[in-house]
PDB file of N, CA and C in Angstrom:
ATOM      1  N   MET A   1       0.428  11.369 -12.267  1.00  0.00           N
ATOM      2  CA  MET A   1      -0.592  12.080 -11.271  1.00  0.00           C
ATOM      3  C   MET A   1      -0.110  11.360  -9.851  1.00  0.00           C
ATOM      4  N   ASP A   2       0.170  12.446  -8.981  1.00  0.00           N
ATOM      5  CA  ASP A   2       0.344  12.048  -7.572  1.00  0.00           C
ATOM      6  C   ASP A   2      -0.735  12.098  -7.102  1.00  0.00           C
ATOM      7  N   ILE A   3      -0.755  10.729  -6.114  1.00  0.00           N
ATOM      8  CA  ILE A   3      -2.045  10.346  -5.436  1.00  0.00           C
ATOM      9  C   ILE A   3      -1.764  11.183  -4.038  1.00  0.00           C
ATOM     10  N   CYS A   4      -2.551  12.056  -3.564  1.00  0.00           N
ATOM     11  CA  CYS A   4      -2.632  12.328  -2.226  1.00  0.00           C
ATOM     12  C   CYS A   4      -2.416  11.470  -0.972  1.00  0.00           C
ATOM     13  N   PHE A   5      -1.398  11.814   0.109  1.00  0.00           N
ATOM     14  CA  PHE A   5      -1.584  10.345   1.183  1.00  0.00           C
ATOM     15  C   PHE A   5      -1.272  11.008   2.581  1.00  0.00           C
ATOM     16  N   TYR A   6      -1.643  10.429   3.203  1.00  0.00           N
ATOM     17  CA  TYR A   6      -1.334  10.734   4.800  1.00  0.00           C
ATOM     18  C   TYR A   6      -0.954   9.762   5.983  1.00  0.00           C
ATOM     19  N   ASP A   7      -0.126  10.026   6.525  1.00  0.00           N
ATOM     20  CA  ASP A   7       0.269   9.086   7.815  1.00  0.00           C
ATOM     21  C   ASP A   7      -0.871   8.982   9.065  1.00  0.00           C
ATOM     22  N   ASN A   8      -1.366   7.857   9.581  1.00  0.00           N
ATOM     23  CA  ASN A   8      -2.208   7.954  10.532  1.00  0.00           C
ATOM     24  C   ASN A   8      -1.198   7.868  11.932  1.00  0.00           C
ATOM     25  N   LYS A   9      -0.057   7.491  11.842  1.00  0.00           N
ATOM     26  CA  LYS A   9       0.734   7.845  12.452  1.00  0.00           C
ATOM     27  C   LYS A   9       2.151   7.963  12.309  1.00  0.00           C
ATOM     28  N   GLU A  10       3.283   8.770  12.805  1.00  0.00           N
ATOM     29  CA  GLU A  10       4.427   9.428  12.280  1.00  0.00           C
ATOM     30  C   GLU A  10       5.139   7.602  12.223  1.00  0.00           C
ATOM     31  N   LEU A  11       5.849   7.893  11.323  1.00  0.00           N
ATOM     32  CA  LEU A  11       6.933   7.153  10.551  1.00  0.00           C
ATOM     33  C   LEU A  11       8.564   7.146  11.352  1.00  0.00           C
ATOM     34  N   ALA A  12       8.257   6.492  11.921  1.00  0.00           N
ATOM     35  CA  ALA A  12       9.686   6.658  12.744  1.00  0.00           C
ATOM     36  C   ALA A  12      10.368   5.085  13.139  1.00  0.00           C
ATOM     37  N   ALA A  13      11.512   4.795  12.851  1.00  0.00           N
ATOM     38  CA  ALA A  13      12.199   3.715  12.946  1.00  0.00           C
ATOM     39  C   ALA A  13      12.770   3.296  14.584  1.00  0.00           C
ATOM     40  N   ASN A  14      12.191   2.312  14.912  1.00  0.00           N
ATOM     41  CA  ASN A  14      12.888   1.875  16.087  1.00  0.00           C
ATOM     42  C   ASN A  14      14.394   1.743  16.440  1.00  0.00           C
ATOM     43  N   GLU A  15      14.502   0.993  17.285  1.00  0.00           N
ATOM     44  CA  GLU A  15      15.734   0.682  17.842  1.00  0.00           C
ATOM     45  C   GLU A  15      16.705  -0.127  16.780  1.00  0.00           C
ATOM     46  N   LYS A  16      15.634  -1.127  16.341  1.00  0.00           N
ATOM     47  CA  LYS A  16      16.250  -2.075  15.220  1.00  0.00           C
ATOM     48  C   LYS A  16      16.276  -1.530  13.909  1.00  0.00           C
ATOM     49  N   GLY A  17      15.559  -0.180  13.310  1.00  0.00           N
ATOM     50  CA  GLY A  17      15.222   0.206  12.156  1.00  0.00           C
ATOM     51  C   GLY A  17      14.004  -0.168  11.276  1.00  0.00           C
ATOM     52  N   ILE A  18      13.053  -0.791  12.280  1.00  0.00           N
ATOM     53  CA  ILE A  18      11.750  -1.108  11.660  1.00  0.00           C
ATOM     54  C   ILE A  18      11.090  -0.395  11.768  1.00  0.00           C
ATOM     55  N   ILE A  19      10.316   0.064  10.838  1.00  0.00           N
ATOM     56  CA  ILE A  19       8.671   1.227  11.379  1.00  0.00           C
ATOM     57  C   ILE A  19       7.931   0.662  11.292  1.00  0.00           C
ATOM     58  N   SER A  20       6.712   1.012  11.711  1.00  0.00           N
ATOM     59  CA  SER A  20       5.319   0.620  11.543  1.00  0.00           C
ATOM     60  C   SER A  20       4.582   1.517  10.827  1.00  0.00           C
ATOM     61  N   ILE A  21       4.237   1.139   9.615  1.00  0.00           N
ATOM     62  CA  ILE A  21       3.477   1.802   8.424  1.00  0.00           C
ATOM     63  C   ILE A  21       1.684   1.496   8.968  1.00  0.00           C
ATOM     64  N   ASP A  22       1.183   2.988   8.958  1.00  0.00           N
ATOM     65  CA  ASP A  22      -0.327   2.883   8.678  1.00  0.00           C
ATOM     66  C   ASP A  22      -0.464   4.557   7.647  1.00  0.00           C
ATOM     67  N   ARG A  23      -0.515   4.237   6.590  1.00  0.00           N
ATOM     68  CA  ARG A  23      -0.364   5.319   5.728  1.00  0.00           C
ATOM     69  C   ARG A  23      -1.902   4.829   4.963  1.00  0.00           C
ATOM     70  N   MET A  24      -2.542   5.816   4.585  1.00  0.00           N
ATOM     71  CA  MET A  24      -3.997   6.310   3.607  1.00  0.00           C
ATOM     72  C   MET A  24      -3.492   6.909   2.492  1.00  0.00           C
ATOM     73  N   TYR A  25      -4.016   6.066   1.135  1.00  0.00           N
ATOM     74  CA  TYR A  25      -3.933   6.850  -0.164  1.00  0.00           C
ATOM     75  C   TYR A  25      -5.373   7.081  -0.227  1.00  0.00           C
ATOM     76  N   CYS A  26      -5.076   8.585  -0.624  1.00  0.00           N
ATOM     77  CA  CYS A  26      -6.651   8.978  -0.735  1.00  0.00           C
ATOM     78  C   CYS A  26      -7.269   8.174  -2.645  1.00  0.00           C
ATOM     79  N   LEU A  27      -7.619   7.280  -2.435  1.00  0.00           N
ATOM     80  CA  LEU A  27      -8.351   6.857  -3.724  1.00  0.00           C
ATOM     81  C   LEU A  27      -9.872   7.208  -3.532  1.00  0.00           C
ATOM     82  N   ASN A  28     -10.266   7.583  -4.400  1.00  0.00           N
ATOM     83  CA  ASN A  28     -11.811   7.698  -4.426  1.00  0.00           C
ATOM     84  C   ASN A  28     -12.209   6.412  -5.086  1.00  0.00           C
ATOM     85  N   PHE A  29     -12.784   5.060  -4.148  1.00  0.00           N
ATOM     86  CA  PHE A  29     -13.270   4.062  -4.876  1.00  0.00           C
ATOM     87  C   PHE A  29     -14.561   4.384  -5.319  1.00  0.00           C
ATOM     88  N   ASN A  30     -15.380   5.176  -4.789  1.00  0.00           N
ATOM     89  CA  ASN A  30     -16.666   5.167  -5.279  1.00  0.00           C
ATOM     90  C   ASN A  30     -16.933   5.792  -6.779  1.00  0.00           C
ATOM     91  N   GLU A  31     -15.754   6.097  -7.298  1.00  0.00           N
ATOM     92  CA  GLU A  31     -15.215   6.331  -8.917  1.00  0.00           C
ATOM     93  C   GLU A  31     -14.813   5.234  -9.506  1.00  0.00           C
ATOM     94  N   PHE A  32     -14.613   4.224  -9.034  1.00  0.00           N
ATOM     95  CA  PHE A  32     -13.497   2.679  -9.530  1.00  0.00           C
ATOM     96  C   PHE A  32     -14.507   2.269  -9.839  1.00  0.00           C
ATOM     97  N   ILE A  33     -14.528   1.924 -11.714  1.00  0.00           N
ATOM     98  CA  ILE A  33     -15.115   0.881 -12.501  1.00  0.00           C
ATOM     99  C   ILE A  33     -14.522  -0.307 -12.514  1.00  0.00           C
ATOM    100  N   GLU A  34     -14.952  -1.326 -13.139  1.00  0.00           N
ATOM    101  CA  GLU A  34     -14.126  -2.625 -13.141  1.00  0.00           C
ATOM    102  C   GLU A  34     -12.895  -2.613 -13.736  1.00  0.00           C
ATOM    103  N   ALA A  35     -12.240  -1.619 -14.740  1.00  0.00           N
ATOM    104  CA  ALA A  35     -11.285  -1.787 -15.486  1.00  0.00           C
ATOM    105  C   ALA A  35     -10.279  -1.140 -14.172  1.00  0.00           C
ATOM    106  N   THR A  36     -11.011  -0.111 -13.528  1.00  0.00           N
ATOM    107  CA  THR A  36      -9.495   0.605 -12.568  1.00  0.00           C
ATOM    108  C   THR A  36      -9.439  -1.105 -11.322  1.00  0.00           C
ATOM    109  N   TRP A  37     -10.197  -1.474 -11.157  1.00  0.00           N
ATOM    110  CA  TRP A  37     -10.126  -2.263 -10.137  1.00  0.00           C
ATOM    111  C   TRP A  37      -8.830  -3.318 -10.756  1.00  0.00           C
ATOM    112  N   GLU A  38      -9.196  -3.459 -11.810  1.00  0.00           N
ATOM    113  CA  GLU A  38      -8.223  -4.508 -12.673  1.00  0.00           C
ATOM    114  C   GLU A  38      -6.510  -3.767 -12.474  1.00  0.00           C
ATOM    115  N   GLN A  39      -6.831  -2.527 -12.797  1.00  0.00           N
ATOM    116  CA  GLN A  39      -5.401  -1.955 -13.107  1.00  0.00           C
ATOM    117  C   GLN A  39      -4.556  -1.821 -11.467  1.00  0.00           C
ATOM    118  N   LEU A  40      -5.738  -1.623 -10.321  1.00  0.00           N
ATOM    119  CA  LEU A  40      -5.329  -1.396  -8.810  1.00  0.00           C
ATOM    120  C   LEU A  40      -4.748  -2.927  -8.754  1.00  0.00           C
ATOM    121  N   GLN A  41      -5.489  -4.127  -9.099  1.00  0.00           N
ATOM    122  CA  GLN A  41      -4.400  -5.345  -9.394  1.00  0.00           C
ATOM    123  C   GLN A  41      -3.528  -5.781  -9.890  1.00  0.00           C
ATOM    124  N   GLN A  42      -3.135  -4.691 -10.938  1.00  0.00           N
ATOM    125  CA  GLN A  42      -1.745  -5.171 -11.708  1.00  0.00           C
ATOM    126  C   GLN A  42      -0.487  -4.193 -11.012  1.00  0.00           C
ATOM    127  N   VAL A  43      -1.171  -3.540 -10.388  1.00  0.00           N
ATOM    128  CA  VAL A  43      -0.341  -2.426  -9.459  1.00  0.00           C
ATOM    129  C   VAL A  43      -0.161  -3.569  -8.310  1.00  0.00           C
ATOM    130  N   TYR A  44      -0.328  -3.978  -7.595  1.00  0.00           N
ATOM    131  CA  TYR A  44      -0.126  -5.032  -6.341  1.00  0.00           C
ATOM    132  C   TYR A  44       0.734  -6.343  -6.869  1.00  0.00           C
ATOM    133  N   LEU A  45       0.272  -6.490  -8.012  1.00  0.00           N
ATOM    134  CA  LEU A  45       0.853  -7.954  -8.078  1.00  0.00           C
ATOM    135  C   LEU A  45       2.769  -7.337  -8.862  1.00  0.00           C
ATOM    136  N   VAL A  46       2.882  -6.548  -9.337  1.00  0.00           N
ATOM    137  CA  VAL A  46       4.532  -6.174  -9.594  1.00  0.00           C
ATOM    138  C   VAL A  46       5.540  -5.316  -8.613  1.00  0.00           C
ATOM    139  N   LEU A  47       4.698  -5.213  -7.491  1.00  0.00           N
ATOM    140  CA  LEU A  47       5.290  -4.837  -6.286  1.00  0.00           C
ATOM    141  C   LEU A  47       6.266  -5.744  -5.150  1.00  0.00           C
ATOM    142  N   PRO A  48       7.179  -5.393  -4.739  1.00  0.00           N
ATOM    143  CA  PRO A  48       8.357  -5.872  -4.352  1.00  0.00           C
ATOM    144  C   PRO A  48       7.863  -7.267  -3.458  1.00  0.00           C
ATOM    145  N   GLN A  49       8.199  -8.503  -3.553  1.00  0.00           N
ATOM    146  CA  GLN A  49       7.532  -9.349  -2.350  1.00  0.00           C
ATOM    147  C   GLN A  49       6.116  -9.561  -2.072  1.00  0.00           C
ATOM    148  N   CYS A  50       5.529  -9.658  -3.628  1.00  0.00           N
ATOM    149  CA  CYS A  50       4.193 -10.140  -3.654  1.00  0.00           C
ATOM    150  C   CYS A  50       3.848 -11.128  -3.218  1.00  0.00           C
ATOM    151  N   LEU A  51       2.586 -11.332  -2.400  1.00  0.00           N
ATOM    152  CA  LEU A  51       2.387 -12.495  -1.814  1.00  0.00           C
ATOM    153  C   LEU A  51       0.652 -12.693  -2.334  1.00  0.00           C
ATOM    154  N   VAL A  52       0.613 -13.760  -3.278  1.00  0.00           N
ATOM    155  CA  VAL A  52      -1.216 -14.134  -3.914  1.00  0.00           C
ATOM    156  C   VAL A  52      -1.454 -14.944  -2.929  1.00  0.00           C
ATOM    157  N   LYS A  53      -2.474 -14.556  -2.341  1.00  0.00           N
ATOM    158  CA  LYS A  53      -3.042 -15.418  -1.556  1.00  0.00           C
ATOM    159  C   LYS A  53      -4.559 -15.516  -1.946  1.00  0.00           C
ATOM    160  N   PRO A  54      -5.889 -16.703  -2.277  1.00  0.00           N
ATOM    161  CA  PRO A  54      -6.782 -16.042  -2.419  1.00  0.00           C
ATOM    162  C   PRO A  54      -7.733 -15.998  -1.554  1.00  0.00           C
ATOM    163  N   HIS A  55      -8.639 -14.974  -1.920  1.00  0.00           N
ATOM    164  CA  HIS A  55      -9.634 -14.265  -0.782  1.00  0.00           C
ATOM    165  C   HIS A  55      -9.218 -13.815  -0.030  1.00  0.00           C
ATOM    166  N   GLN A  56      -8.081 -13.545  -0.223  1.00  0.00           N
ATOM    167  CA  GLN A  56      -7.103 -12.203   1.309  1.00  0.00           C
ATOM    168  C   GLN A  56      -6.958 -10.849   0.836  1.00  0.00           C
ATOM    169  N   CYS A  57      -6.773 -10.308   1.713  1.00  0.00           N
ATOM    170  CA  CYS A  57      -6.070  -8.757   1.022  1.00  0.00           C
ATOM    171  C   CYS A  57      -4.894  -8.983   0.179  1.00  0.00           C
ATOM    172  N   PRO A  58      -4.383  -8.074  -0.426  1.00  0.00           N
ATOM    173  CA  PRO A  58      -3.323  -7.822  -0.789  1.00  0.00           C
ATOM    174  C   PRO A  58      -2.334  -7.631   0.107  1.00  0.00           C
ATOM    175  N   MET A  59      -1.347  -8.583   0.248  1.00  0.00           N
ATOM    176  CA  MET A  59      -0.207  -8.468   0.992  1.00  0.00           C
ATOM    177  C   MET A  59       1.311  -8.877   0.461  1.00  0.00           C
ATOM    178  N   TRP A  60       2.434  -8.109   1.384  1.00  0.00           N
ATOM    179  CA  TRP A  60       3.462  -8.220   0.746  1.00  0.00           C
ATOM    180  C   TRP A  60       4.523  -8.483   1.773  1.00  0.00           C
ATOM    181  N   PHE A  61       5.648  -9.180   1.856  1.00  0.00           N
ATOM    182  CA  PHE A  61       6.719  -9.498   2.246  1.00  0.00           C
ATOM    183  C   PHE A  61       6.231 -10.546   3.516  1.00  0.00           C
ATOM    184  N   GLY A  62       4.944 -10.845   4.072  1.00  0.00           N
ATOM    185  CA  GLY A  62       4.721 -11.759   5.038  1.00  0.00           C
ATOM    186  C   GLY A  62       3.061 -11.223   5.100  1.00  0.00           C
ATOM    187  N   GLU A  63       2.804 -12.043   6.226  1.00  0.00           N
ATOM    188  CA  GLU A  63       1.336 -12.119   7.025  1.00  0.00           C
ATOM    189  C   GLU A  63       1.757 -11.364   8.216  1.00  0.00           C
ATOM    190  N   GLU A  64       0.683 -10.473   8.693  1.00  0.00           N
ATOM    191  CA  GLU A  64       0.388 -10.006   9.742  1.00  0.00           C
ATOM    192  C   GLU A  64       0.254 -11.209  10.895  1.00  0.00           C
ATOM    193  N   GLY A  65       1.314 -11.130  12.167  1.00  0.00           N
ATOM    194  CA  GLY A  65       0.921 -12.028  13.145  1.00  0.00           C
ATOM    195  C   GLY A  65       1.797 -13.380  12.499  1.00  0.00           C
ATOM    196  N   ILE A  66       1.884 -13.517  11.948  1.00  0.00           N
ATOM    197  CA  ILE A  66       3.097 -14.725  11.459  1.00  0.00           C
ATOM    198  C   ILE A  66       4.431 -14.698  11.007  1.00  0.00           C
ATOM    199  N   SER A  67       4.678 -13.335   9.986  1.00  0.00           N
ATOM    200  CA  SER A  67       5.855 -12.685   9.806  1.00  0.00           C
ATOM    201  C   SER A  67       6.410 -11.841  10.782  1.00  0.00           C
ATOM    202  N   PRO A  68       7.589 -11.329  10.994  1.00  0.00           N
ATOM    203  CA  PRO A  68       7.700 -10.216  11.785  1.00  0.00           C
ATOM    204  C   PRO A  68       7.924  -9.120  10.704  1.00  0.00           C
ATOM    205  N   ASN A  69       8.228  -9.495   8.898  1.00  0.00           N
ATOM    206  CA  ASN A  69       8.008  -8.165   8.309  1.00  0.00           C
ATOM    207  C   ASN A  69       6.851  -8.567   7.369  1.00  0.00           C
ATOM    208  N   TYR A  70       6.089  -7.363   7.356  1.00  0.00           N
ATOM    209  CA  TYR A  70       4.385  -7.866   6.909  1.00  0.00           C
ATOM    210  C   TYR A  70       4.205  -6.378   5.902  1.00  0.00           C
ATOM    211  N   LEU A  71       3.322  -6.280   5.264  1.00  0.00           N
ATOM    212  CA  LEU A  71       2.656  -4.919   4.826  1.00  0.00           C
ATOM    213  C   LEU A  71       1.421  -5.823   3.937  1.00  0.00           C
ATOM    214  N   TYR A  72      -0.179  -4.969   4.145  1.00  0.00           N
ATOM    215  CA  TYR A  72      -1.149  -5.518   3.491  1.00  0.00           C
ATOM    216  C   TYR A  72      -2.064  -4.073   3.108  1.00  0.00           C
ATOM    217  N   ALA A  73      -2.638  -4.222   2.006  1.00  0.00           N
ATOM    218  CA  ALA A  73      -3.634  -3.284   1.633  1.00  0.00           C
ATOM    219  C   ALA A  73      -4.957  -3.094   2.408  1.00  0.00           C
ATOM    220  N   SER A  74      -5.935  -2.227   2.576  1.00  0.00           N
ATOM    221  CA  SER A  74      -7.049  -2.660   2.619  1.00  0.00           C
ATOM    222  C   SER A  74      -7.864  -1.459   1.733  1.00  0.00           C
ATOM    223  N   VAL A  75      -9.071  -1.849   1.500  1.00  0.00           N
ATOM    224  CA  VAL A  75     -10.135  -0.889   0.954  1.00  0.00           C
ATOM    225  C   VAL A  75     -10.516  -0.241   1.758  1.00  0.00           C
ATOM    226  N   GLU A  76     -11.100   1.026   1.972  1.00  0.00           N
ATOM    227  CA  GLU A  76     -11.739   1.425   2.996  1.00  0.00           C
ATOM    228  C   GLU A  76     -12.346   2.489   2.578  1.00  0.00           C
ATOM    229  N   PRO A  77     -13.632   3.381   3.542  1.00  0.00           N
ATOM    230  CA  PRO A  77     -14.402   4.714   2.873  1.00  0.00           C
ATOM    231  C   PRO A  77     -13.082   5.879   2.674  1.00  0.00           C
ATOM    232  N   SER A  78     -11.849   6.269   3.679  1.00  0.00           N
ATOM    233  CA  SER A  78     -11.700   7.249   3.170  1.00  0.00           C
ATOM    234  C   SER A  78     -10.201   6.827   2.127  1.00  0.00           C
ATOM    235  N   GLY A  79     -10.014   5.643   1.665  1.00  0.00           N
ATOM    236  CA  GLY A  79      -8.760   5.387   0.441  1.00  0.00           C
ATOM    237  C   GLY A  79      -8.775   3.808   0.568  1.00  0.00           C
ATOM    238  N   LEU A  80      -7.501   4.018   0.244  1.00  0.00           N
ATOM    239  CA  LEU A  80      -6.154   2.597  -0.031  1.00  0.00           C
ATOM    240  C   LEU A  80      -5.179   2.633   1.529  1.00  0.00           C
ATOM    241  N   GLN A  81      -5.664   1.811   2.445  1.00  0.00           N
ATOM    242  CA  GLN A  81      -4.928   1.906   3.306  1.00  0.00           C
ATOM    243  C   GLN A  81      -3.587   0.755   3.498  1.00  0.00           C
ATOM    244  N   ILE A  82      -2.898   0.980   3.603  1.00  0.00           N
ATOM    245  CA  ILE A  82      -1.223   0.531   3.787  1.00  0.00           C
ATOM    246  C   ILE A  82      -0.567   0.381   5.349  1.00  0.00           C
ATOM    247  N   VAL A  83      -0.694  -0.787   5.251  1.00  0.00           N
ATOM    248  CA  VAL A  83      -0.210  -1.110   7.313  1.00  0.00           C
ATOM    249  C   VAL A  83       0.539  -2.275   7.144  1.00  0.00           C
ATOM    250  N   GLY A  84       1.374  -1.931   8.200  1.00  0.00           N
ATOM    251  CA  GLY A  84       3.097  -3.127   8.277  1.00  0.00           C
ATOM    252  C   GLY A  84       3.591  -2.467   9.090  1.00  0.00           C
ATOM    253  N   GLU A  85       4.885  -3.547   9.099  1.00  0.00           N
ATOM    254  CA  GLU A  85       6.200  -3.545   9.701  1.00  0.00           C
ATOM    255  C   GLU A  85       7.127  -3.966   8.902  1.00  0.00           C
ATOM    256  N   LEU A  86       8.285  -2.661   8.806  1.00  0.00           N
ATOM    257  CA  LEU A  86       9.101  -3.359   7.440  1.00  0.00           C
ATOM    258  C   LEU A  86      10.506  -2.583   8.263  1.00  0.00           C
ATOM    259  N   PRO A  87      11.527  -2.991   7.963  1.00  0.00           N
ATOM    260  CA  PRO A  87      12.906  -2.171   7.685  1.00  0.00           C
ATOM    261  C   PRO A  87      12.885  -0.985   7.073  1.00  0.00           C
ATOM    262  N   ILE A  88      12.923   0.103   7.285  1.00  0.00           N
ATOM    263  CA  ILE A  88      12.823   1.559   6.898  1.00  0.00           C
ATOM    264  C   ILE A  88      13.591   1.125   5.477  1.00  0.00           C
ATOM    265  N   GLU A  89      14.484   0.512   5.142  1.00  0.00           N
ATOM    266  CA  GLU A  89      15.263   0.760   3.653  1.00  0.00           C
ATOM    267  C   GLU A  89      13.803  -0.315   3.099  1.00  0.00           C
ATOM    268  N   GLN A  90      13.225  -1.294   3.146  1.00  0.00           N
ATOM    269  CA  GLN A  90      12.504  -2.283   2.470  1.00  0.00           C
ATOM    270  C   GLN A  90      11.263  -1.111   2.253  1.00  0.00           C
ATOM    271  N   TRP A  91      10.599  -0.420   3.402  1.00  0.00           N
ATOM    272  CA  TRP A  91       9.992   0.387   3.160  1.00  0.00           C
ATOM    273  C   TRP A  91      10.353   1.554   1.752  1.00  0.00           C
ATOM    274  N   GLU A  92      11.144   1.959   1.992  1.00  0.00           N
ATOM    275  CA  GLU A  92      11.512   2.943   1.447  1.00  0.00           C
ATOM    276  C   GLU A  92      11.527   2.636  -0.381  1.00  0.00           C
ATOM    277  N   LEU A  93      12.152   1.365  -0.678  1.00  0.00           N
ATOM    278  CA  LEU A  93      12.309   0.557  -2.028  1.00  0.00           C
ATOM    279  C   LEU A  93      10.780   0.366  -2.244  1.00  0.00           C
ATOM    280  N   TRP A  94       9.771   0.091  -1.797  1.00  0.00           N
ATOM    281  CA  TRP A  94       8.373  -0.271  -1.672  1.00  0.00           C
ATOM    282  C   TRP A  94       7.623   0.897  -2.208  1.00  0.00           C
ATOM    283  N   GLU A  95       7.795   1.269  -1.232  1.00  0.00           N
ATOM    284  CA  GLU A  95       7.128   2.688  -1.142  1.00  0.00           C
ATOM    285  C   GLU A  95       7.320   3.541  -2.984  1.00  0.00           C
ATOM    286  N   LYS A  96       8.329   3.277  -3.205  1.00  0.00           N
ATOM    287  CA  LYS A  96       8.963   4.282  -4.203  1.00  0.00           C
ATOM    288  C   LYS A  96       8.319   3.519  -5.632  1.00  0.00           C
ATOM    289  N   ALA A  97       8.541   2.276  -5.267  1.00  0.00           N
ATOM    290  CA  ALA A  97       7.887   1.338  -6.102  1.00  0.00           C
ATOM    291  C   ALA A  97       6.409   1.195  -6.725  1.00  0.00           C
ATOM    292  N   PHE A  98       5.845   1.516  -5.560  1.00  0.00           N
ATOM    293  CA  PHE A  98       4.131   1.947  -5.273  1.00  0.00           C
ATOM    294  C   PHE A  98       3.846   2.801  -5.746  1.00  0.00           C
ATOM    295  N   HIS A  99       4.627   4.188  -6.028  1.00  0.00           N
ATOM    296  CA  HIS A  99       4.341   5.166  -6.368  1.00  0.00           C
ATOM    297  C   HIS A  99       4.884   5.647  -8.027  1.00  0.00           C
ATOM    298  N   THR A 100       5.480   4.713  -8.406  1.00  0.00           N
ATOM    299  CA  THR A 100       5.452   4.674  -9.707  1.00  0.00           C
ATOM    300  C   THR A 100       4.653   3.571 -10.253  1.00  0.00           C
ATOM    301  N   GLN A 101       4.374   2.972  -9.843  1.00  0.00           N
ATOM    302  CA  GLN A 101       3.294   1.795 -10.432  1.00  0.00           C
ATOM    303  C   GLN A 101       2.233   2.585 -10.436  1.00  0.00           C
ATOM    304  N   LEU A 102       1.854   3.592  -9.442  1.00  0.00           N
ATOM    305  CA  LEU A 102       0.420   4.381  -9.342  1.00  0.00           C
ATOM    306  C   LEU A 102       0.612   5.293 -10.099  1.00  0.00           C
ATOM    307  N   SER A 103       1.438   6.213 -10.852  1.00  0.00           N
ATOM    308  CA  SER A 103       1.563   6.661 -11.976  1.00  0.00           C
ATOM    309  C   SER A 103       1.453   6.137 -13.184  1.00  0.00           C
ATOM    310  N   ARG A 104       1.250   5.220 -13.626  1.00  0.00           N
ATOM    311  CA  ARG A 104       1.181   4.525 -14.588  1.00  0.00           C
ATOM    312  C   ARG A 104      -0.398   4.473 -15.045  1.00  0.00           C
ATOM    313  N   PHE A 105      -1.306   4.926 -14.176  1.00  0.00           N
ATOM    314  CA  PHE A 105      -2.515   4.808 -14.304  1.00  0.00           C
ATOM    315  C   PHE A 105      -3.411   6.181 -13.862  1.00  0.00           C
ATOM    316  N   SER A 106      -4.293   6.349 -14.368  1.00  0.00           N
ATOM    317  CA  SER A 106      -5.128   7.892 -13.582  1.00  0.00           C
ATOM    318  C   SER A 106      -5.998   7.165 -13.067  1.00  0.00           C
ATOM    319  N   PHE A 107      -5.954   6.818 -11.313  1.00  0.00           N
ATOM    320  CA  PHE A 107      -6.884   6.795 -10.391  1.00  0.00           C
ATOM    321  C   PHE A 107      -7.208   7.604  -9.978  1.00  0.00           C
ATOM    322  N   PRO A 108      -9.010   7.488  -9.788  1.00  0.00           N
ATOM    323  CA  PRO A 108      -9.509   8.910  -8.916  1.00  0.00           C
ATOM    324  C   PRO A 108      -9.455   8.703  -8.468  1.00  0.00           C
ATOM    325  N   SER A 109      -9.211  10.225  -7.399  1.00  0.00           N
ATOM    326  CA  SER A 109      -8.554  10.380  -5.971  1.00  0.00           C
ATOM    327  C   SER A 109      -9.130  11.536  -5.441  1.00  0.00           C
ATOM    328  N   PHE A 110      -8.753  12.022  -4.464  1.00  0.00           N
ATOM    329  CA  PHE A 110      -9.061  12.857  -3.755  1.00  0.00           C
ATOM    330  C   PHE A 110      -8.206  13.765  -2.938  1.00  0.00           C
ATOM    331  N   GLU A 111      -8.274  15.082  -3.098  1.00  0.00           N
ATOM    332  CA  GLU A 111      -7.526  15.409  -1.912  1.00  0.00           C
ATOM    333  C   GLU A 111      -7.554  15.354  -0.267  1.00  0.00           C
ATOM    334  N   CYS A 112      -6.421  15.347   0.425  1.00  0.00           N
ATOM    335  CA  CYS A 112      -6.917  14.768   1.465  1.00  0.00           C
ATOM    336  C   CYS A 112      -6.202  15.371   2.530  1.00  0.00           C
TER     337      CYS A 112
END
């Protein structure tokens, strides 16, 4: 199952090949149950460069404001927001892995 998504800003690499990501995946969190949240956590943990920090949002590669390359997920009313700055090659690999992992489960979603 493909999850609909949209970008809040155009994905365009700067002169150093870094892209600024602000993507929204249209997951319907109102329909999540405990098992669905656990499945989403499983997805997070197997993605490249996962960082596990208690009581913080899911993140990969590094932390915003500390690392030049970072990616994090945030649960928002409009869906799952993925934000960060990465070299385009890392983003493409991470994004492919994310889509592959999402397809393992049937997450409630909506058209966006």
